[in-house]
Amino acid sequence: MLQVAERALFLWNNDHIRTLISQNRSVILPIIFEALEKNIQSHWNQAVHGLTVNVRKMFMEMDIQLFEECQRQYAEEEAKAREKRREAGIDVAEIGRCCSTERVKECEYDLTEILGLRHYP
């Protein structure tokens, strides 16, 4: 899986791909912005982290206004999610403890709902 992420991020270095992305940045950036931010904040692999920083920088240089608008929307959505967790009495530290131990089944929270995961049949 790591190699897939790394290879996908390497594609952004291709001049032809960059040209296509630049032409369609107003569609592409809003779709991938959250994933870029989450990779930058918490991806464990240094190579993937570095490549993500490069892609983010590329978008900033292409269109700073679009980038800042996506950043503003992302910050608003994150603030709403934090508030929703707070209102629901969700303790993020407790969720972390549940996920990092064998206690996942004992956890009092529905982790799939909290984490925004969908149930598939």
Protein backbone atom coordinates (compact mmCIF):
# COMPACT_ATOMS: atom_id res chain seq x y z
CA MET A 1 0.00 0.00 0.00
CA LEU A 2 2.87 2.34 0.80
CA GLN A 3 4.33 1.91 -2.67
CA VAL A 4 0.97 2.78 -4.23
CA ALA A 5 0.77 6.05 -2.28
CA GLU A 6 4.35 6.90 -3.10
CA ARG A 7 3.95 6.13 -6.83
CA ALA A 8 0.69 8.09 -7.03
CA LEU A 9 2.38 11.12 -5.51
CA PHE A 10 5.32 10.76 -7.92
CA LEU A 11 2.88 11.23 -10.82
CA TRP A 12 2.48 14.86 -9.79
CA ASN A 13 6.11 15.45 -10.83
CA ASN A 14 5.34 14.65 -14.49
CA ASP A 15 5.17 17.83 -16.61
CA HIS A 16 2.23 16.60 -18.71
CA ILE A 17 0.27 15.62 -15.58
CA ARG A 18 1.05 19.00 -14.00
CA THR A 19 -0.28 20.79 -17.07
CA LEU A 20 -3.52 18.81 -16.96
CA ILE A 21 -3.84 19.40 -13.22
CA SER A 22 -3.22 23.11 -13.65
CA GLN A 23 -5.97 23.32 -16.27
CA ASN A 24 -8.41 21.53 -13.93
CA ARG A 25 -7.19 22.72 -10.54
CA SER A 26 -10.52 24.26 -9.54
CA VAL A 27 -12.08 20.79 -9.73
CA ILE A 28 -9.14 18.73 -8.44
CA LEU A 29 -7.95 20.69 -5.41
CA PRO A 30 -11.27 20.77 -3.52
CA ILE A 31 -11.52 17.00 -3.96
CA ILE A 32 -8.03 16.14 -2.71
CA PHE A 33 -7.37 18.96 -0.23
CA GLU A 34 -8.48 17.03 2.86
CA ALA A 35 -6.34 14.01 1.96
CA LEU A 36 -3.30 16.24 1.43
CA GLU A 37 -3.79 17.94 4.80
CA LYS A 38 -4.27 14.66 6.64
CA ASN A 39 -1.16 13.19 5.01
CA ILE A 40 0.85 16.24 6.05
CA GLN A 41 -0.48 16.13 9.60
CA SER A 42 -0.06 12.46 10.29
CA HIS A 43 1.41 10.22 7.62
CA TRP A 44 4.00 7.94 9.20
CA ASN A 45 6.20 7.55 6.10
CA GLN A 46 8.67 10.37 5.52
CA ALA A 47 8.78 9.90 1.73
CA VAL A 48 4.99 10.08 1.39
CA HIS A 49 4.93 13.05 3.75
CA GLY A 50 7.58 14.89 1.70
CA LEU A 51 5.87 14.16 -1.62
CA THR A 52 2.58 15.37 -0.18
CA VAL A 53 4.22 18.63 0.92
CA ASN A 54 5.49 19.07 -2.65
CA VAL A 55 2.02 18.53 -4.15
CA ARG A 56 0.51 20.98 -1.66
CA LYS A 57 3.18 23.56 -2.53
CA MET A 58 2.50 23.05 -6.23
CA PHE A 59 -1.18 23.92 -5.73
CA MET A 60 -0.27 26.96 -3.64
CA GLU A 61 1.96 28.22 -6.44
CA MET A 62 -0.66 27.49 -9.12
CA ASP A 63 -3.53 29.37 -7.50
CA ILE A 64 -3.09 30.84 -4.02
CA GLN A 65 -6.68 32.12 -3.89
CA LEU A 66 -8.15 28.70 -4.62
CA PHE A 67 -5.74 27.12 -2.16
CA GLU A 68 -6.71 29.56 0.60
CA GLU A 69 -10.42 28.99 -0.08
CA CYS A 70 -9.95 25.22 0.21
CA GLN A 71 -7.93 25.76 3.38
CA ARG A 72 -10.70 27.92 4.86
CA GLN A 73 -13.38 25.35 4.02
CA TYR A 74 -11.28 22.54 5.48
CA ALA A 75 -10.74 24.48 8.72
CA GLU A 76 -14.49 25.15 8.98
CA GLU A 77 -15.33 21.47 8.44
CA GLU A 78 -12.76 20.38 11.02
CA ALA A 79 -14.14 22.88 13.55
CA LYS A 80 -17.68 21.58 12.96
CA ALA A 81 -16.51 17.99 13.41
CA ARG A 82 -14.73 18.88 16.67
CA GLU A 83 -17.84 20.64 17.94
CA LYS A 84 -20.02 17.68 16.98
CA ARG A 85 -17.71 15.32 18.88
CA ARG A 86 -17.71 17.67 21.87
CA GLU A 87 -21.51 17.90 21.89
CA ALA A 88 -21.77 14.13 21.68
CA GLY A 89 -19.38 13.79 24.61
CA ILE A 90 -16.84 11.92 22.56
CA ASP A 91 -13.43 11.67 24.18
CA VAL A 92 -10.88 11.50 21.36
CA ALA A 93 -8.17 10.32 23.76
CA GLU A 94 -10.40 7.40 24.82
CA ILE A 95 -10.99 6.50 21.18
CA GLY A 96 -7.23 6.49 20.66
CA ARG A 97 -6.80 4.15 23.62
CA CYS A 98 -9.51 1.85 22.26
CA CYS A 99 -7.91 1.74 18.83
CA SER A 100 -4.42 1.13 20.14
CA THR A 101 -5.29 -1.80 22.39
CA GLU A 102 -7.16 -5.06 22.27
CA ARG A 103 -10.14 -3.22 23.82
CA VAL A 104 -11.70 -2.19 20.49
CA LYS A 105 -14.77 -4.38 21.07
CA GLU A 106 -15.18 -2.94 24.58
CA CYS A 107 -15.08 0.65 23.39
CA GLU A 108 -18.23 2.55 24.30
CA TYR A 109 -18.21 4.50 21.03
CA ASP A 110 -19.31 3.44 17.57
CA LEU A 111 -15.94 4.04 15.94
CA THR A 112 -17.27 3.57 12.41
CA GLU A 113 -19.71 6.44 12.88
CA ILE A 114 -17.23 8.70 14.66
CA LEU A 115 -14.54 8.15 12.08
CA GLY A 116 -16.99 8.63 9.22
CA LEU A 117 -16.59 5.09 7.94
CA ARG A 118 -19.34 3.52 5.92
CA HIS A 119 -20.68 0.05 6.52
CA TYR A 120 -20.52 -2.09 3.40
CA PRO A 121 -22.50 -5.31 3.01
